[in-house]
Amino acid sequence: MTDFISALFAVSAGVFALIAAVGVLRFPDVMTRMHASSKVASFAGALALIAAAVDIGTVSAATRAVFAILFIFLTAPIGAHLLGRAAAWRRRKQGL
């Protein structure tokens, strides 16, 4: 049963990562591409970590997965914000 659950989380992570990649390729400007890459990709990473924790099945693996997910959810928005500010600064400097 745990194999099925971990496979479900892993496939969901792959689907969300694919959605993020399509969003990065298809969206027209920097801000929407940044949104797709940071929000959806961090969710896909969290699903992959959950899949690994369920597959391993120990408390240590679950604890490490929780801390890694918290780290991703804390750092991904900060990185996206800084990239957005840099893109806006560059746009203003170029006079667009």
N, C-alpha and C. Protein backbone atom coordinates (compact mmCIF):
# COMPACT_ATOMS: atom_id res chain seq x y z
N MET A 1 0.81 -1.20 0.00
CA MET A 1 0.00 0.00 0.00
C MET A 1 0.87 1.27 0.00
N THR A 2 1.98 1.22 0.75
CA THR A 2 2.84 2.40 0.78
C THR A 2 3.51 2.63 -0.57
N ASP A 3 3.74 1.55 -1.33
CA ASP A 3 4.30 1.71 -2.66
C ASP A 3 3.34 2.46 -3.57
N PHE A 4 2.06 2.15 -3.46
CA PHE A 4 1.06 2.84 -4.26
C PHE A 4 0.98 4.32 -3.89
N ILE A 5 0.99 4.61 -2.59
CA ILE A 5 0.89 6.00 -2.13
C ILE A 5 2.13 6.78 -2.56
N SER A 6 3.31 6.20 -2.39
CA SER A 6 4.52 6.92 -2.80
C SER A 6 4.57 7.10 -4.32
N ALA A 7 4.10 6.11 -5.06
CA ALA A 7 4.04 6.25 -6.52
C ALA A 7 3.05 7.34 -6.92
N LEU A 8 1.94 7.44 -6.22
CA LEU A 8 0.95 8.48 -6.50
C LEU A 8 1.55 9.88 -6.26
N PHE A 9 2.26 10.03 -5.15
CA PHE A 9 2.91 11.32 -4.87
C PHE A 9 4.00 11.62 -5.89
N ALA A 10 4.76 10.61 -6.28
CA ALA A 10 5.84 10.82 -7.25
C ALA A 10 5.30 11.20 -8.63
N VAL A 11 4.24 10.54 -9.06
CA VAL A 11 3.64 10.88 -10.35
C VAL A 11 3.01 12.26 -10.29
N SER A 12 2.39 12.60 -9.17
CA SER A 12 1.83 13.95 -9.01
C SER A 12 2.93 15.00 -9.07
N ALA A 13 4.06 14.71 -8.46
CA ALA A 13 5.20 15.64 -8.51
C ALA A 13 5.69 15.81 -9.94
N GLY A 14 5.74 14.74 -10.68
CA GLY A 14 6.16 14.83 -12.08
C GLY A 14 5.18 15.62 -12.93
N VAL A 15 3.89 15.45 -12.68
CA VAL A 15 2.88 16.19 -13.43
C VAL A 15 2.98 17.68 -13.13
N PHE A 16 3.14 18.03 -11.86
CA PHE A 16 3.25 19.44 -11.51
C PHE A 16 4.55 20.04 -12.04
N ALA A 17 5.64 19.27 -12.05
CA ALA A 17 6.89 19.77 -12.62
C ALA A 17 6.74 19.99 -14.12
N LEU A 18 6.01 19.12 -14.78
CA LEU A 18 5.75 19.29 -16.21
C LEU A 18 4.89 20.54 -16.46
N ILE A 19 3.91 20.77 -15.62
CA ILE A 19 3.09 21.97 -15.73
C ILE A 19 3.94 23.23 -15.55
N ALA A 20 4.85 23.19 -14.59
CA ALA A 20 5.75 24.33 -14.36
C ALA A 20 6.64 24.57 -15.58
N ALA A 21 7.15 23.50 -16.17
CA ALA A 21 8.01 23.65 -17.34
C ALA A 21 7.24 24.22 -18.53
N VAL A 22 6.02 23.76 -18.73
CA VAL A 22 5.20 24.29 -19.81
C VAL A 22 4.88 25.76 -19.55
N GLY A 23 4.62 26.11 -18.29
CA GLY A 23 4.36 27.50 -17.96
C GLY A 23 5.55 28.39 -18.23
N VAL A 24 6.74 27.92 -17.91
CA VAL A 24 7.95 28.71 -18.17
C VAL A 24 8.14 28.89 -19.67
N LEU A 25 7.83 27.89 -20.44
CA LEU A 25 7.99 28.00 -21.90
C LEU A 25 6.90 28.84 -22.56
N ARG A 26 5.69 28.78 -22.06
CA ARG A 26 4.55 29.40 -22.76
C ARG A 26 4.20 30.81 -22.29
N PHE A 27 4.50 31.16 -21.04
CA PHE A 27 4.09 32.47 -20.55
C PHE A 27 4.89 33.57 -21.23
N PRO A 28 4.28 34.74 -21.43
CA PRO A 28 4.90 35.76 -22.28
C PRO A 28 5.98 36.61 -21.62
N ASP A 29 5.88 36.87 -20.32
CA ASP A 29 6.84 37.80 -19.73
C ASP A 29 7.51 37.20 -18.50
N VAL A 30 8.44 37.95 -17.96
CA VAL A 30 9.28 37.46 -16.86
C VAL A 30 8.46 37.18 -15.61
N MET A 31 7.54 38.04 -15.30
CA MET A 31 6.79 37.90 -14.04
C MET A 31 5.92 36.64 -14.03
N THR A 32 5.25 36.35 -15.11
CA THR A 32 4.42 35.15 -15.13
C THR A 32 5.27 33.89 -15.22
N ARG A 33 6.38 33.95 -15.90
CA ARG A 33 7.30 32.79 -15.92
C ARG A 33 7.85 32.53 -14.53
N MET A 34 8.21 33.59 -13.84
CA MET A 34 8.73 33.45 -12.49
C MET A 34 7.67 32.85 -11.57
N HIS A 35 6.43 33.25 -11.74
CA HIS A 35 5.34 32.71 -10.94
C HIS A 35 5.21 31.21 -11.16
N ALA A 36 5.24 30.80 -12.42
CA ALA A 36 5.10 29.38 -12.73
C ALA A 36 6.27 28.57 -12.18
N SER A 37 7.45 29.11 -12.30
CA SER A 37 8.61 28.34 -11.86
C SER A 37 8.70 28.25 -10.34
N SER A 38 8.34 29.30 -9.63
CA SER A 38 8.51 29.26 -8.18
C SER A 38 7.35 28.56 -7.47
N LYS A 39 6.15 28.87 -7.83
CA LYS A 39 5.01 28.31 -7.10
C LYS A 39 4.79 26.83 -7.40
N VAL A 40 4.69 26.52 -8.66
CA VAL A 40 4.37 25.15 -9.03
C VAL A 40 5.56 24.22 -8.80
N ALA A 41 6.75 24.70 -9.08
CA ALA A 41 7.93 23.84 -8.90
C ALA A 41 8.19 23.56 -7.43
N SER A 42 7.93 24.52 -6.54
CA SER A 42 8.10 24.24 -5.12
C SER A 42 7.07 23.23 -4.63
N PHE A 43 5.88 23.28 -5.18
CA PHE A 43 4.86 22.29 -4.82
C PHE A 43 5.26 20.90 -5.34
N ALA A 44 5.83 20.86 -6.54
CA ALA A 44 6.29 19.57 -7.08
C ALA A 44 7.43 19.01 -6.25
N GLY A 45 8.32 19.86 -5.80
CA GLY A 45 9.40 19.41 -4.94
C GLY A 45 8.89 18.87 -3.61
N ALA A 46 7.88 19.53 -3.07
CA ALA A 46 7.28 19.05 -1.82
C ALA A 46 6.63 17.69 -2.01
N LEU A 47 5.94 17.51 -3.13
CA LEU A 47 5.33 16.20 -3.39
C LEU A 47 6.39 15.11 -3.56
N ALA A 48 7.50 15.44 -4.19
CA ALA A 48 8.58 14.46 -4.35
C ALA A 48 9.19 14.09 -3.01
N LEU A 49 9.36 15.07 -2.14
CA LEU A 49 9.89 14.78 -0.80
C LEU A 49 8.92 13.94 0.02
N ILE A 50 7.63 14.20 -0.12
CA ILE A 50 6.63 13.38 0.57
C ILE A 50 6.66 11.96 0.05
N ALA A 51 6.81 11.81 -1.26
CA ALA A 51 6.90 10.47 -1.85
C ALA A 51 8.10 9.72 -1.31
N ALA A 52 9.23 10.40 -1.19
CA ALA A 52 10.42 9.74 -0.65
C ALA A 52 10.23 9.37 0.81
N ALA A 53 9.62 10.26 1.59
CA ALA A 53 9.39 9.97 3.01
C ALA A 53 8.44 8.80 3.20
N VAL A 54 7.40 8.73 2.38
CA VAL A 54 6.45 7.61 2.48
C VAL A 54 7.13 6.32 2.06
N ASP A 55 7.96 6.37 1.03
CA ASP A 55 8.63 5.17 0.56
C ASP A 55 9.64 4.66 1.57
N ILE A 56 10.37 5.56 2.21
CA ILE A 56 11.34 5.12 3.22
C ILE A 56 10.62 4.65 4.47
N GLY A 57 9.64 5.41 4.91
CA GLY A 57 8.77 4.95 5.98
C GLY A 57 9.29 5.09 7.40
N THR A 58 10.31 5.90 7.62
CA THR A 58 10.79 6.10 8.99
C THR A 58 10.45 7.50 9.46
N VAL A 59 10.48 7.66 10.76
CA VAL A 59 10.20 8.96 11.35
C VAL A 59 11.30 9.95 10.97
N SER A 60 12.53 9.49 10.90
CA SER A 60 13.65 10.34 10.52
C SER A 60 13.47 10.89 9.10
N ALA A 61 13.05 10.05 8.19
CA ALA A 61 12.83 10.49 6.81
C ALA A 61 11.69 11.49 6.74
N ALA A 62 10.63 11.24 7.49
CA ALA A 62 9.49 12.17 7.49
C ALA A 62 9.89 13.52 8.09
N THR A 63 10.68 13.50 9.15
CA THR A 63 11.12 14.74 9.77
C THR A 63 12.00 15.53 8.82
N ARG A 64 12.91 14.85 8.17
CA ARG A 64 13.78 15.53 7.20
C ARG A 64 12.99 16.08 6.03
N ALA A 65 12.00 15.35 5.58
CA ALA A 65 11.16 15.83 4.48
C ALA A 65 10.38 17.07 4.90
N VAL A 66 9.86 17.08 6.11
CA VAL A 66 9.11 18.24 6.59
C VAL A 66 10.01 19.46 6.66
N PHE A 67 11.23 19.29 7.19
CA PHE A 67 12.15 20.42 7.27
C PHE A 67 12.57 20.90 5.88
N ALA A 68 12.77 19.99 4.96
CA ALA A 68 13.14 20.38 3.60
C ALA A 68 11.99 21.11 2.91
N ILE A 69 10.76 20.65 3.12
CA ILE A 69 9.59 21.32 2.54
C ILE A 69 9.44 22.72 3.12
N LEU A 70 9.62 22.86 4.43
CA LEU A 70 9.56 24.19 5.04
C LEU A 70 10.63 25.10 4.46
N PHE A 71 11.83 24.57 4.27
CA PHE A 71 12.92 25.36 3.69
C PHE A 71 12.57 25.80 2.27
N ILE A 72 12.03 24.90 1.47
CA ILE A 72 11.64 25.26 0.10
C ILE A 72 10.55 26.31 0.10
N PHE A 73 9.54 26.14 0.95
CA PHE A 73 8.43 27.10 0.98
C PHE A 73 8.85 28.45 1.54
N LEU A 74 9.91 28.49 2.33
CA LEU A 74 10.40 29.78 2.82
C LEU A 74 11.33 30.47 1.84
N THR A 75 12.12 29.72 1.09
CA THR A 75 13.11 30.34 0.22
C THR A 75 12.63 30.59 -1.20
N ALA A 76 11.72 29.80 -1.71
CA ALA A 76 11.26 29.98 -3.09
C ALA A 76 10.56 31.33 -3.30
N PRO A 77 9.67 31.77 -2.41
CA PRO A 77 9.06 33.09 -2.62
C PRO A 77 10.07 34.23 -2.52
N ILE A 78 11.06 34.09 -1.66
CA ILE A 78 12.07 35.13 -1.53
C ILE A 78 12.90 35.22 -2.80
N GLY A 79 13.30 34.08 -3.32
CA GLY A 79 14.04 34.09 -4.58
C GLY A 79 13.24 34.63 -5.74
N ALA A 80 11.97 34.29 -5.80
CA ALA A 80 11.11 34.80 -6.87
C ALA A 80 10.91 36.30 -6.73
N HIS A 81 10.78 36.78 -5.50
CA HIS A 81 10.63 38.21 -5.28
C HIS A 81 11.88 38.96 -5.73
N LEU A 82 13.05 38.43 -5.40
CA LEU A 82 14.29 39.09 -5.81
C LEU A 82 14.47 39.06 -7.33
N LEU A 83 14.10 37.97 -7.96
CA LEU A 83 14.16 37.93 -9.42
C LEU A 83 13.19 38.92 -10.05
N GLY A 84 12.01 39.06 -9.47
CA GLY A 84 11.04 40.02 -9.97
C GLY A 84 11.52 41.45 -9.81
N ARG A 85 12.14 41.75 -8.68
CA ARG A 85 12.68 43.09 -8.49
C ARG A 85 13.81 43.38 -9.46
N ALA A 86 14.66 42.39 -9.71
CA ALA A 86 15.76 42.58 -10.67
C ALA A 86 15.21 42.80 -12.08
N ALA A 87 14.18 42.05 -12.44
CA ALA A 87 13.59 42.22 -13.78
C ALA A 87 12.93 43.59 -13.90
N ALA A 88 12.23 44.03 -12.86
CA ALA A 88 11.60 45.36 -12.90
C ALA A 88 12.65 46.46 -12.94
N TRP A 89 13.73 46.28 -12.19
CA TRP A 89 14.81 47.27 -12.20
C TRP A 89 15.45 47.36 -13.58
N ARG A 90 15.67 46.21 -14.18
CA ARG A 90 16.28 46.20 -15.52
C ARG A 90 15.36 46.83 -16.55
N ARG A 91 14.07 46.57 -16.43
CA ARG A 91 13.10 47.14 -17.36
C ARG A 91 13.08 48.67 -17.23
N ARG A 92 13.11 49.18 -15.98
CA ARG A 92 13.13 50.62 -15.78
C ARG A 92 14.43 51.23 -16.29
N LYS A 93 15.53 50.52 -16.11
CA LYS A 93 16.82 51.06 -16.56
C LYS A 93 16.90 51.13 -18.09
N GLN A 94 16.26 50.20 -18.76
CA GLN A 94 16.27 50.19 -20.22
C GLN A 94 15.23 51.15 -20.79
N GLY A 95 14.36 51.67 -19.96
CA GLY A 95 13.35 52.61 -20.41
C GLY A 95 12.17 51.98 -21.09
N LEU A 96 11.87 50.72 -20.74
CA LEU A 96 10.73 50.04 -21.36
C LEU A 96 9.53 50.29 -20.53
